[in-house]
C-alpha cells in the first residue's frame, strides 16, 4: 500500500528497542523513509 504512494517521504516513529525489520522491508521496495526513536519502555517498578 505504501509502495503505491512512492512519491511520499515516510517518517517511521519507533521505540528505543526495535529491530531492523521495517527498515529492511522498506529498503527492499526502495521506499523513501526515515526511522526515528520517539519513545522508550522503562520498568514500572513495584513498591515495597
ModelCIF file with pLDDT and N, C-alpha, C, O atoms, coordinates in Angstrom:
data_MODEL
#
_entry.id   MODEL 
#
_entity.id                         1 
_entity.type                       polymer 
_entity.pdbx_number_of_molecules   1 
#
_entity_poly.entity_id                      1 
_entity_poly.type                           'polypeptide(L)' 
_entity_poly.nstd_linkage                   no 
_entity_poly.nstd_monomer                   no 
_entity_poly.pdbx_seq_one_letter_code       
;(UNK)(UNK)(UNK)(UNK)(UNK)(UNK)(UNK)(UNK)(UNK)(UNK)(UNK)(UNK)(UNK)(UNK)(UNK)(UNK)
(UNK)(UNK)(UNK)(UNK)(UNK)(UNK)(UNK)(UNK)(UNK)(UNK)(UNK)(UNK)(UNK)(UNK)(UNK)(UNK)
(UNK)(UNK)(UNK)(UNK)(UNK)(UNK)(UNK)(UNK)(UNK)(UNK)(UNK)(UNK)(UNK)(UNK)(UNK)(UNK)
;
_entity_poly.pdbx_seq_one_letter_code_can   XXXXXXXXXXXXXXXXXXXXXXXXXXXXXXXXXXXXXXXXXXXXXXXX 
_entity_poly.pdbx_strand_id                 A 
#
loop_
_entity_poly_seq.entity_id 
_entity_poly_seq.num 
_entity_poly_seq.mon_id 
_entity_poly_seq.hetero 
1 1  UNK n 
1 2  UNK n 
1 3  UNK n 
1 4  UNK n 
1 5  UNK n 
1 6  UNK n 
1 7  UNK n 
1 8  UNK n 
1 9  UNK n 
1 10 UNK n 
1 11 UNK n 
1 12 UNK n 
1 13 UNK n 
1 14 UNK n 
1 15 UNK n 
1 16 UNK n 
1 17 UNK n 
1 18 UNK n 
1 19 UNK n 
1 20 UNK n 
1 21 UNK n 
1 22 UNK n 
1 23 UNK n 
1 24 UNK n 
1 25 UNK n 
1 26 UNK n 
1 27 UNK n 
1 28 UNK n 
1 29 UNK n 
1 30 UNK n 
1 31 UNK n 
1 32 UNK n 
1 33 UNK n 
1 34 UNK n 
1 35 UNK n 
1 36 UNK n 
1 37 UNK n 
1 38 UNK n 
1 39 UNK n 
1 40 UNK n 
1 41 UNK n 
1 42 UNK n 
1 43 UNK n 
1 44 UNK n 
1 45 UNK n 
1 46 UNK n 
1 47 UNK n 
1 48 UNK n 
#
_struct_asym.id          A 
_struct_asym.entity_id   1 
#
loop_
_ma_qa_metric.id 
_ma_qa_metric.mode 
_ma_qa_metric.name 
_ma_qa_metric.software_group_id 
_ma_qa_metric.type 
1 global pLDDT . pLDDT 
2 local  pLDDT . pLDDT 
#
_ma_qa_metric_global.metric_id      1 
_ma_qa_metric_global.metric_value   92.42 
_ma_qa_metric_global.model_id       1 
_ma_qa_metric_global.ordinal_id     1 
#
loop_
_ma_qa_metric_local.label_asym_id 
_ma_qa_metric_local.label_comp_id 
_ma_qa_metric_local.label_seq_id 
_ma_qa_metric_local.metric_id 
_ma_qa_metric_local.metric_value 
_ma_qa_metric_local.model_id 
_ma_qa_metric_local.ordinal_id 
A UNK 1  2 93.00 1 1  
A UNK 2  2 95.00 1 2  
A UNK 3  2 93.00 1 3  
A UNK 4  2 94.00 1 4  
A UNK 5  2 94.00 1 5  
A UNK 6  2 91.00 1 6  
A UNK 7  2 95.00 1 7  
A UNK 8  2 97.00 1 8  
A UNK 9  2 98.00 1 9  
A UNK 10 2 98.00 1 10 
A UNK 11 2 98.00 1 11 
A UNK 12 2 97.00 1 12 
A UNK 13 2 97.00 1 13 
A UNK 14 2 95.00 1 14 
A UNK 15 2 91.00 1 15 
A UNK 16 2 89.00 1 16 
A UNK 17 2 80.00 1 17 
A UNK 18 2 83.00 1 18 
A UNK 19 2 84.00 1 19 
A UNK 20 2 88.00 1 20 
A UNK 21 2 87.00 1 21 
A UNK 22 2 91.00 1 22 
A UNK 23 2 93.00 1 23 
A UNK 24 2 93.00 1 24 
A UNK 25 2 93.00 1 25 
A UNK 26 2 94.00 1 26 
A UNK 27 2 94.00 1 27 
A UNK 28 2 93.00 1 28 
A UNK 29 2 93.00 1 29 
A UNK 30 2 94.00 1 30 
A UNK 31 2 95.00 1 31 
A UNK 32 2 97.00 1 32 
A UNK 33 2 97.00 1 33 
A UNK 34 2 96.00 1 34 
A UNK 35 2 96.00 1 35 
A UNK 36 2 97.00 1 36 
A UNK 37 2 97.00 1 37 
A UNK 38 2 97.00 1 38 
A UNK 39 2 96.00 1 39 
A UNK 40 2 92.00 1 40 
A UNK 41 2 84.00 1 41 
A UNK 42 2 84.00 1 42 
A UNK 43 2 81.00 1 43 
A UNK 44 2 88.00 1 44 
A UNK 45 2 89.00 1 45 
A UNK 46 2 91.00 1 46 
A UNK 47 2 92.00 1 47 
A UNK 48 2 92.00 1 48 
#
loop_
_atom_site.group_PDB 
_atom_site.id 
_atom_site.type_symbol 
_atom_site.label_atom_id 
_atom_site.label_alt_id 
_atom_site.label_comp_id 
_atom_site.label_asym_id 
_atom_site.label_entity_id 
_atom_site.label_seq_id 
_atom_site.pdbx_PDB_ins_code 
_atom_site.Cartn_x 
_atom_site.Cartn_y 
_atom_site.Cartn_z 
_atom_site.occupancy 
_atom_site.B_iso_or_equiv 
_atom_site.pdbx_formal_charge 
_atom_site.auth_seq_id 
_atom_site.auth_comp_id 
_atom_site.auth_asym_id 
_atom_site.auth_atom_id 
_atom_site.pdbx_PDB_model_num 
ATOM 1   N N  . UNK A 1 1  ? 0.838  -1.203 0.000  1.00 93.00 ? 1  UNK A N  1 
ATOM 2   C CA . UNK A 1 1  ? 0.000  0.000  0.000  1.00 93.00 ? 1  UNK A CA 1 
ATOM 3   C C  . UNK A 1 1  ? 0.876  1.258  0.000  1.00 93.00 ? 1  UNK A C  1 
ATOM 4   O O  . UNK A 1 1  ? 0.570  2.239  -0.679 1.00 93.00 ? 1  UNK A O  1 
ATOM 5   N N  . UNK A 1 2  ? 1.958  1.216  0.763  1.00 95.00 ? 2  UNK A N  1 
ATOM 6   C CA . UNK A 1 2  ? 2.907  2.336  0.785  1.00 95.00 ? 2  UNK A CA 1 
ATOM 7   C C  . UNK A 1 2  ? 3.600  2.491  -0.567 1.00 95.00 ? 2  UNK A C  1 
ATOM 8   O O  . UNK A 1 2  ? 3.856  3.605  -1.026 1.00 95.00 ? 2  UNK A O  1 
ATOM 9   N N  . UNK A 1 3  ? 3.895  1.362  -1.190 1.00 93.00 ? 3  UNK A N  1 
ATOM 10  C CA . UNK A 1 3  ? 4.588  1.376  -2.486 1.00 93.00 ? 3  UNK A CA 1 
ATOM 11  C C  . UNK A 1 3  ? 3.746  2.058  -3.565 1.00 93.00 ? 3  UNK A C  1 
ATOM 12  O O  . UNK A 1 3  ? 4.285  2.590  -4.535 1.00 93.00 ? 3  UNK A O  1 
ATOM 13  N N  . UNK A 1 4  ? 2.414  2.040  -3.390 1.00 94.00 ? 4  UNK A N  1 
ATOM 14  C CA . UNK A 1 4  ? 1.519  2.721  -4.348 1.00 94.00 ? 4  UNK A CA 1 
ATOM 15  C C  . UNK A 1 4  ? 1.646  4.244  -4.225 1.00 94.00 ? 4  UNK A C  1 
ATOM 16  O O  . UNK A 1 4  ? 1.278  4.987  -5.135 1.00 94.00 ? 4  UNK A O  1 
ATOM 17  N N  . UNK A 1 5  ? 2.178  4.693  -3.073 1.00 94.00 ? 5  UNK A N  1 
ATOM 18  C CA . UNK A 1 5  ? 2.381  6.130  -2.831 1.00 94.00 ? 5  UNK A CA 1 
ATOM 19  C C  . UNK A 1 5  ? 3.891  6.389  -2.763 1.00 94.00 ? 5  UNK A C  1 
ATOM 20  O O  . UNK A 1 5  ? 4.407  6.907  -1.772 1.00 94.00 ? 5  UNK A O  1 
ATOM 21  N N  . UNK A 1 6  ? 4.569  6.019  -3.828 1.00 91.00 ? 6  UNK A N  1 
ATOM 22  C CA . UNK A 1 6  ? 6.038  6.015  -3.834 1.00 91.00 ? 6  UNK A CA 1 
ATOM 23  C C  . UNK A 1 6  ? 6.670  7.405  -3.777 1.00 91.00 ? 6  UNK A C  1 
ATOM 24  O O  . UNK A 1 6  ? 7.844  7.546  -3.434 1.00 91.00 ? 6  UNK A O  1 
ATOM 25  N N  . UNK A 1 7  ? 5.890  8.424  -4.112 1.00 95.00 ? 7  UNK A N  1 
ATOM 26  C CA . UNK A 1 7  ? 6.468  9.781  -4.112 1.00 95.00 ? 7  UNK A CA 1 
ATOM 27  C C  . UNK A 1 7  ? 6.541  10.370 -2.694 1.00 95.00 ? 7  UNK A C  1 
ATOM 28  O O  . UNK A 1 7  ? 7.187  11.393 -2.469 1.00 95.00 ? 7  UNK A O  1 
ATOM 29  N N  . UNK A 1 8  ? 5.867  9.705  -1.745 1.00 97.00 ? 8  UNK A N  1 
ATOM 30  C CA . UNK A 1 8  ? 5.870  10.228 -0.369 1.00 97.00 ? 8  UNK A CA 1 
ATOM 31  C C  . UNK A 1 8  ? 7.226  10.006 0.300  1.00 97.00 ? 8  UNK A C  1 
ATOM 32  O O  . UNK A 1 8  ? 7.962  9.077  -0.031 1.00 97.00 ? 8  UNK A O  1 
ATOM 33  N N  . UNK A 1 9  ? 7.533  10.894 1.257  1.00 98.00 ? 9  UNK A N  1 
ATOM 34  C CA . UNK A 1 9  ? 8.723  10.713 2.089  1.00 98.00 ? 9  UNK A CA 1 
ATOM 35  C C  . UNK A 1 9  ? 8.221  10.312 3.473  1.00 98.00 ? 9  UNK A C  1 
ATOM 36  O O  . UNK A 1 9  ? 7.635  11.124 4.189  1.00 98.00 ? 9  UNK A O  1 
ATOM 37  N N  . UNK A 1 10 ? 8.458  9.052  3.841  1.00 98.00 ? 10 UNK A N  1 
ATOM 38  C CA . UNK A 1 10 ? 7.862  8.474  5.051  1.00 98.00 ? 10 UNK A CA 1 
ATOM 39  C C  . UNK A 1 10 ? 8.733  8.672  6.296  1.00 98.00 ? 10 UNK A C  1 
ATOM 40  O O  . UNK A 1 10 ? 9.956  8.537  6.251  1.00 98.00 ? 10 UNK A O  1 
ATOM 41  N N  . UNK A 1 11 ? 8.060  8.998  7.413  1.00 98.00 ? 11 UNK A N  1 
ATOM 42  C CA . UNK A 1 11 ? 8.720  9.028  8.725  1.00 98.00 ? 11 UNK A CA 1 
ATOM 43  C C  . UNK A 1 11 ? 8.178  7.848  9.524  1.00 98.00 ? 11 UNK A C  1 
ATOM 44  O O  . UNK A 1 11 ? 6.967  7.631  9.576  1.00 98.00 ? 11 UNK A O  1 
ATOM 45  N N  . UNK A 1 12 ? 9.086  7.077  10.153 1.00 97.00 ? 12 UNK A N  1 
ATOM 46  C CA . UNK A 1 12 ? 8.653  5.901  10.927 1.00 97.00 ? 12 UNK A CA 1 
ATOM 47  C C  . UNK A 1 12 ? 9.074  6.075  12.393 1.00 97.00 ? 12 UNK A C  1 
ATOM 48  O O  . UNK A 1 12 ? 10.216 5.774  12.739 1.00 97.00 ? 12 UNK A O  1 
ATOM 49  N N  . UNK A 1 13 ? 8.160  6.564  13.273 1.00 97.00 ? 13 UNK A N  1 
ATOM 50  C CA . UNK A 1 13 ? 8.496  6.689  14.699 1.00 97.00 ? 13 UNK A CA 1 
ATOM 51  C C  . UNK A 1 13 ? 8.546  5.306  15.360 1.00 97.00 ? 13 UNK A C  1 
ATOM 52  O O  . UNK A 1 13 ? 7.656  4.480  15.159 1.00 97.00 ? 13 UNK A O  1 
ATOM 53  N N  . UNK A 1 14 ? 9.607  5.066  16.157 1.00 95.00 ? 14 UNK A N  1 
ATOM 54  C CA . UNK A 1 14 ? 9.798  3.754  16.772 1.00 95.00 ? 14 UNK A CA 1 
ATOM 55  C C  . UNK A 1 14 ? 10.143 3.882  18.249 1.00 95.00 ? 14 UNK A C  1 
ATOM 56  O O  . UNK A 1 14 ? 10.415 4.969  18.759 1.00 95.00 ? 14 UNK A O  1 
ATOM 57  N N  . UNK A 1 15 ? 10.122 2.729  18.919 1.00 91.00 ? 15 UNK A N  1 
ATOM 58  C CA . UNK A 1 15 ? 10.575 2.650  20.312 1.00 91.00 ? 15 UNK A CA 1 
ATOM 59  C C  . UNK A 1 15 ? 12.101 2.549  20.310 1.00 91.00 ? 15 UNK A C  1 
ATOM 60  O O  . UNK A 1 15 ? 12.709 2.197  19.299 1.00 91.00 ? 15 UNK A O  1 
ATOM 61  N N  . UNK A 1 16 ? 12.706 2.860  21.450 1.00 89.00 ? 16 UNK A N  1 
ATOM 62  C CA . UNK A 1 16 ? 14.175 2.737  21.557 1.00 89.00 ? 16 UNK A CA 1 
ATOM 63  C C  . UNK A 1 16 ? 14.613 1.283  21.379 1.00 89.00 ? 16 UNK A C  1 
ATOM 64  O O  . UNK A 1 16 ? 15.745 1.013  20.978 1.00 89.00 ? 16 UNK A O  1 
ATOM 65  N N  . UNK A 1 17 ? 13.700 0.343  21.682 1.00 80.00 ? 17 UNK A N  1 
ATOM 66  C CA . UNK A 1 17 ? 14.005 -1.079 21.476 1.00 80.00 ? 17 UNK A CA 1 
ATOM 67  C C  . UNK A 1 17 ? 13.248 -1.535 20.226 1.00 80.00 ? 17 UNK A C  1 
ATOM 68  O O  . UNK A 1 17 ? 12.029 -1.709 20.261 1.00 80.00 ? 17 UNK A O  1 
ATOM 69  N N  . UNK A 1 18 ? 13.966 -1.725 19.141 1.00 83.00 ? 18 UNK A N  1 
ATOM 70  C CA . UNK A 1 18 ? 13.344 -2.181 17.896 1.00 83.00 ? 18 UNK A CA 1 
ATOM 71  C C  . UNK A 1 18 ? 14.385 -2.910 17.043 1.00 83.00 ? 18 UNK A C  1 
ATOM 72  O O  . UNK A 1 18 ? 15.591 -2.769 17.245 1.00 83.00 ? 18 UNK A O  1 
ATOM 73  N N  . UNK A 1 19 ? 13.889 -3.682 16.096 1.00 84.00 ? 19 UNK A N  1 
ATOM 74  C CA . UNK A 1 19 ? 14.821 -4.346 15.162 1.00 84.00 ? 19 UNK A CA 1 
ATOM 75  C C  . UNK A 1 19 ? 14.760 -3.627 13.810 1.00 84.00 ? 19 UNK A C  1 
ATOM 76  O O  . UNK A 1 19 ? 14.086 -2.607 13.670 1.00 84.00 ? 19 UNK A O  1 
ATOM 77  N N  . UNK A 1 20 ? 15.470 -4.169 12.823 1.00 88.00 ? 20 UNK A N  1 
ATOM 78  C CA . UNK A 1 20 ? 15.541 -3.514 11.501 1.00 88.00 ? 20 UNK A CA 1 
ATOM 79  C C  . UNK A 1 20 ? 14.529 -4.071 10.499 1.00 88.00 ? 20 UNK A C  1 
ATOM 80  O O  . UNK A 1 20 ? 14.655 -3.834 9.297  1.00 88.00 ? 20 UNK A O  1 
ATOM 81  N N  . UNK A 1 21 ? 13.529 -4.809 10.984 1.00 87.00 ? 21 UNK A N  1 
ATOM 82  C CA . UNK A 1 21 ? 12.574 -5.447 10.073 1.00 87.00 ? 21 UNK A CA 1 
ATOM 83  C C  . UNK A 1 21 ? 11.889 -4.438 9.150  1.00 87.00 ? 21 UNK A C  1 
ATOM 84  O O  . UNK A 1 21 ? 11.820 -4.638 7.937  1.00 87.00 ? 21 UNK A O  1 
ATOM 85  N N  . UNK A 1 22 ? 11.384 -3.350 9.743  1.00 91.00 ? 22 UNK A N  1 
ATOM 86  C CA . UNK A 1 22 ? 10.657 -2.348 8.932  1.00 91.00 ? 22 UNK A CA 1 
ATOM 87  C C  . UNK A 1 22 ? 11.612 -1.690 7.941  1.00 91.00 ? 22 UNK A C  1 
ATOM 88  O O  . UNK A 1 22 ? 11.289 -1.536 6.763  1.00 91.00 ? 22 UNK A O  1 
ATOM 89  N N  . UNK A 1 23 ? 12.789 -1.305 8.426  1.00 93.00 ? 23 UNK A N  1 
ATOM 90  C CA . UNK A 1 23 ? 13.803 -0.669 7.574  1.00 93.00 ? 23 UNK A CA 1 
ATOM 91  C C  . UNK A 1 23 ? 14.133 -1.568 6.374  1.00 93.00 ? 23 UNK A C  1 
ATOM 92  O O  . UNK A 1 23 ? 14.174 -1.110 5.232  1.00 93.00 ? 23 UNK A O  1 
ATOM 93  N N  . UNK A 1 24 ? 14.365 -2.840 6.656  1.00 93.00 ? 24 UNK A N  1 
ATOM 94  C CA . UNK A 1 24 ? 14.732 -3.784 5.586  1.00 93.00 ? 24 UNK A CA 1 
ATOM 95  C C  . UNK A 1 24 ? 13.613 -3.936 4.555  1.00 93.00 ? 24 UNK A C  1 
ATOM 96  O O  . UNK A 1 24 ? 13.869 -3.994 3.352  1.00 93.00 ? 24 UNK A O  1 
ATOM 97  N N  . UNK A 1 25 ? 12.361 -3.999 5.043  1.00 93.00 ? 25 UNK A N  1 
ATOM 98  C CA . UNK A 1 25 ? 11.218 -4.153 4.132  1.00 93.00 ? 25 UNK A CA 1 
ATOM 99  C C  . UNK A 1 25 ? 11.066 -2.932 3.216  1.00 93.00 ? 25 UNK A C  1 
ATOM 100 O O  . UNK A 1 25 ? 10.826 -3.068 2.017  1.00 93.00 ? 25 UNK A O  1 
ATOM 101 N N  . UNK A 1 26 ? 11.211 -1.736 3.807  1.00 94.00 ? 26 UNK A N  1 
ATOM 102 C CA . UNK A 1 26 ? 11.038 -0.505 3.025  1.00 94.00 ? 26 UNK A CA 1 
ATOM 103 C C  . UNK A 1 26 ? 12.217 -0.280 2.079  1.00 94.00 ? 26 UNK A C  1 
ATOM 104 O O  . UNK A 1 26 ? 12.046 0.215  0.964  1.00 94.00 ? 26 UNK A O  1 
ATOM 105 N N  . UNK A 1 27 ? 13.414 -0.649 2.538  1.00 94.00 ? 27 UNK A N  1 
ATOM 106 C CA . UNK A 1 27 ? 14.604 -0.558 1.667  1.00 94.00 ? 27 UNK A CA 1 
ATOM 107 C C  . UNK A 1 27 ? 14.448 -1.465 0.446  1.00 94.00 ? 27 UNK A C  1 
ATOM 108 O O  . UNK A 1 27 ? 14.783 -1.089 -0.677 1.00 94.00 ? 27 UNK A O  1 
ATOM 109 N N  . UNK A 1 28 ? 13.930 -2.670 0.698  1.00 93.00 ? 28 UNK A N  1 
ATOM 110 C CA . UNK A 1 28 ? 13.765 -3.656 -0.385 1.00 93.00 ? 28 UNK A CA 1 
ATOM 111 C C  . UNK A 1 28 ? 12.829 -3.134 -1.477 1.00 93.00 ? 28 UNK A C  1 
ATOM 112 O O  . UNK A 1 28 ? 13.004 -3.444 -2.655 1.00 93.00 ? 28 UNK A O  1 
ATOM 113 N N  . UNK A 1 29 ? 11.838 -2.342 -1.075 1.00 93.00 ? 29 UNK A N  1 
ATOM 114 C CA . UNK A 1 29 ? 10.874 -1.780 -2.044 1.00 93.00 ? 29 UNK A CA 1 
ATOM 115 C C  . UNK A 1 29 ? 11.292 -0.387 -2.537 1.00 93.00 ? 29 UNK A C  1 
ATOM 116 O O  . UNK A 1 29 ? 10.571 0.273  -3.286 1.00 93.00 ? 29 UNK A O  1 
ATOM 117 N N  . UNK A 1 30 ? 12.496 0.039  -2.085 1.00 94.00 ? 30 UNK A N  1 
ATOM 118 C CA . UNK A 1 30 ? 13.036 1.365  -2.462 1.00 94.00 ? 30 UNK A CA 1 
ATOM 119 C C  . UNK A 1 30 ? 12.071 2.501  -2.095 1.00 94.00 ? 30 UNK A C  1 
ATOM 120 O O  . UNK A 1 30 ? 11.869 3.440  -2.865 1.00 94.00 ? 30 UNK A O  1 
ATOM 121 N N  . UNK A 1 31 ? 11.489 2.389  -0.909 1.00 95.00 ? 31 UNK A N  1 
ATOM 122 C CA . UNK A 1 31 ? 10.569 3.419  -0.404 1.00 95.00 ? 31 UNK A CA 1 
ATOM 123 C C  . UNK A 1 31 ? 11.377 4.431  0.401  1.00 95.00 ? 31 UNK A C  1 
ATOM 124 O O  . UNK A 1 31 ? 12.129 4.052  1.299  1.00 95.00 ? 31 UNK A O  1 
ATOM 125 N N  . UNK A 1 32 ? 11.228 5.696  0.092  1.00 97.00 ? 32 UNK A N  1 
ATOM 126 C CA . UNK A 1 32 ? 11.963 6.777  0.748  1.00 97.00 ? 32 UNK A CA 1 
ATOM 127 C C  . UNK A 1 32 ? 11.447 6.944  2.185  1.00 97.00 ? 32 UNK A C  1 
ATOM 128 O O  . UNK A 1 32 ? 10.291 7.312  2.389  1.00 97.00 ? 32 UNK A O  1 
ATOM 129 N N  . UNK A 1 33 ? 12.298 6.677  3.167  1.00 97.00 ? 33 UNK A N  1 
ATOM 130 C CA . UNK A 1 33 ? 11.829 6.716  4.552  1.00 97.00 ? 33 UNK A CA 1 
ATOM 131 C C  . UNK A 1 33 ? 12.955 7.038  5.533  1.00 97.00 ? 33 UNK A C  1 
ATOM 132 O O  . UNK A 1 33 ? 14.138 6.892  5.222  1.00 97.00 ? 33 UNK A O  1 
ATOM 133 N N  . UNK A 1 34 ? 12.553 7.480  6.724  1.00 96.00 ? 34 UNK A N  1 
ATOM 134 C CA . UNK A 1 34 ? 13.493 7.753  7.822  1.00 96.00 ? 34 UNK A CA 1 
ATOM 135 C C  . UNK A 1 34 ? 12.917 7.145  9.094  1.00 96.00 ? 34 UNK A C  1 
ATOM 136 O O  . UNK A 1 34 ? 11.767 7.408  9.446  1.00 96.00 ? 34 UNK A O  1 
ATOM 137 N N  . UNK A 1 35 ? 13.713 6.332  9.783  1.00 96.00 ? 35 UNK A N  1 
ATOM 138 C CA . UNK A 1 35 ? 13.269 5.847  11.099 1.00 96.00 ? 35 UNK A CA 1 
ATOM 139 C C  . UNK A 1 35 ? 13.765 6.812  12.166 1.00 96.00 ? 35 UNK A C  1 
ATOM 140 O O  . UNK A 1 35 ? 14.825 7.420  12.016 1.00 96.00 ? 35 UNK A O  1 
ATOM 141 N N  . UNK A 1 36 ? 13.005 6.951  13.233 1.00 97.00 ? 36 UNK A N  1 
ATOM 142 C CA . UNK A 1 36 ? 13.463 7.763  14.352 1.00 97.00 ? 36 UNK A CA 1 
ATOM 143 C C  . UNK A 1 36 ? 12.885 7.203  15.647 1.00 97.00 ? 36 UNK A C  1 
ATOM 144 O O  . UNK A 1 36 ? 11.818 6.590  15.645 1.00 97.00 ? 36 UNK A O  1 
ATOM 145 N N  . UNK A 1 37 ? 13.589 7.416  16.742 1.00 97.00 ? 37 UNK A N  1 
ATOM 146 C CA . UNK A 1 37 ? 13.106 6.968  18.047 1.00 97.00 ? 37 UNK A CA 1 
ATOM 147 C C  . UNK A 1 37 ? 12.325 8.114  18.682 1.00 97.00 ? 37 UNK A C  1 
ATOM 148 O O  . UNK A 1 37 ? 12.825 9.234  18.787 1.00 97.00 ? 37 UNK A O  1 
ATOM 149 N N  . UNK A 1 38 ? 11.087 7.822  19.108 1.00 97.00 ? 38 UNK A N  1 
ATOM 150 C CA . UNK A 1 38 ? 10.252 8.852  19.754 1.00 97.00 ? 38 UNK A CA 1 
ATOM 151 C C  . UNK A 1 38 ? 9.844  8.480  21.178 1.00 97.00 ? 38 UNK A C  1 
ATOM 152 O O  . UNK A 1 38 ? 9.362  9.330  21.926 1.00 97.00 ? 38 UNK A O  1 
ATOM 153 N N  . UNK A 1 39 ? 10.035 7.205  21.557 1.00 96.00 ? 39 UNK A N  1 
ATOM 154 C CA . UNK A 1 39 ? 9.638  6.782  22.911 1.00 96.00 ? 39 UNK A CA 1 
ATOM 155 C C  . UNK A 1 39 ? 10.467 5.579  23.348 1.00 96.00 ? 39 UNK A C  1 
ATOM 156 O O  . UNK A 1 39 ? 11.129 4.939  22.531 1.00 96.00 ? 39 UNK A O  1 
ATOM 157 N N  . UNK A 1 40 ? 10.426 5.281  24.634 1.00 92.00 ? 40 UNK A N  1 
ATOM 158 C CA . UNK A 1 40 ? 11.186 4.138  25.171 1.00 92.00 ? 40 UNK A CA 1 
ATOM 159 C C  . UNK A 1 40 ? 10.357 3.440  26.246 1.00 92.00 ? 40 UNK A C  1 
ATOM 160 O O  . UNK A 1 40 ? 9.455  4.035  26.836 1.00 92.00 ? 40 UNK A O  1 
ATOM 161 N N  . UNK A 1 41 ? 10.672 2.188  26.487 1.00 84.00 ? 41 UNK A N  1 
ATOM 162 C CA . UNK A 1 41 ? 9.996  1.452  27.557 1.00 84.00 ? 41 UNK A CA 1 
ATOM 163 C C  . UNK A 1 41 ? 10.923 1.374  28.766 1.00 84.00 ? 41 UNK A C  1 
ATOM 164 O O  . UNK A 1 41 ? 12.113 1.083  28.644 1.00 84.00 ? 41 UNK A O  1 
ATOM 165 N N  . UNK A 1 42 ? 10.345 1.641  29.936 1.00 84.00 ? 42 UNK A N  1 
ATOM 166 C CA . UNK A 1 42 ? 11.122 1.566  31.177 1.00 84.00 ? 42 UNK A CA 1 
ATOM 167 C C  . UNK A 1 42 ? 10.373 0.701  32.174 1.00 84.00 ? 42 UNK A C  1 
ATOM 168 O O  . UNK A 1 42 ? 9.146  0.608  32.126 1.00 84.00 ? 42 UNK A O  1 
ATOM 169 N N  . UNK A 1 43 ? 11.101 0.078  33.069 1.00 81.00 ? 43 UNK A N  1 
ATOM 170 C CA . UNK A 1 43 ? 10.489 -0.798 34.065 1.00 81.00 ? 43 UNK A CA 1 
ATOM 171 C C  . UNK A 1 43 ? 9.563  0.001  34.981 1.00 81.00 ? 43 UNK A C  1 
ATOM 172 O O  . UNK A 1 43 ? 9.932  1.065  35.479 1.00 81.00 ? 43 UNK A O  1 
ATOM 173 N N  . UNK A 1 44 ? 8.361  -0.524 35.192 1.00 88.00 ? 44 UNK A N  1 
ATOM 174 C CA . UNK A 1 44 ? 7.377  0.113  36.072 1.00 88.00 ? 44 UNK A CA 1 
ATOM 175 C C  . UNK A 1 44 ? 7.535  -0.537 37.446 1.00 88.00 ? 44 UNK A C  1 
ATOM 176 O O  . UNK A 1 44 ? 6.839  -1.498 37.775 1.00 88.00 ? 44 UNK A O  1 
ATOM 177 N N  . UNK A 1 45 ? 8.455  -0.003 38.236 1.00 89.00 ? 45 UNK A N  1 
ATOM 178 C CA . UNK A 1 45 ? 8.888  -0.684 39.462 1.00 89.00 ? 45 UNK A CA 1 
ATOM 179 C C  . UNK A 1 45 ? 7.770  -0.910 40.481 1.00 89.00 ? 45 UNK A C  1 
ATOM 180 O O  . UNK A 1 45 ? 6.875  -0.081 40.652 1.00 89.00 ? 45 UNK A O  1 
ATOM 181 N N  . UNK A 1 46 ? 7.855  -2.054 41.146 1.00 91.00 ? 46 UNK A N  1 
ATOM 182 C CA . UNK A 1 46 ? 6.888  -2.421 42.183 1.00 91.00 ? 46 UNK A CA 1 
ATOM 183 C C  . UNK A 1 46 ? 7.265  -1.735 43.495 1.00 91.00 ? 46 UNK A C  1 
ATOM 184 O O  . UNK A 1 46 ? 8.444  -1.605 43.824 1.00 91.00 ? 46 UNK A O  1 
ATOM 185 N N  . UNK A 1 47 ? 6.254  -1.301 44.232 1.00 92.00 ? 47 UNK A N  1 
ATOM 186 C CA . UNK A 1 47 ? 6.506  -0.708 45.557 1.00 92.00 ? 47 UNK A CA 1 
ATOM 187 C C  . UNK A 1 47 ? 6.795  -1.831 46.552 1.00 92.00 ? 47 UNK A C  1 
ATOM 188 O O  . UNK A 1 47 ? 6.557  -3.001 46.252 1.00 92.00 ? 47 UNK A O  1 
ATOM 189 N N  . UNK A 1 48 ? 7.299  -1.488 47.717 1.00 92.00 ? 48 UNK A N  1 
ATOM 190 C CA . UNK A 1 48 ? 7.585  -2.497 48.757 1.00 92.00 ? 48 UNK A CA 1 
ATOM 191 C C  . UNK A 1 48 ? 6.312  -3.239 49.154 1.00 92.00 ? 48 UNK A C  1 
ATOM 192 O O  . UNK A 1 48 ? 6.354  -4.121 50.012 1.00 92.00 ? 48 UNK A O  1 
#
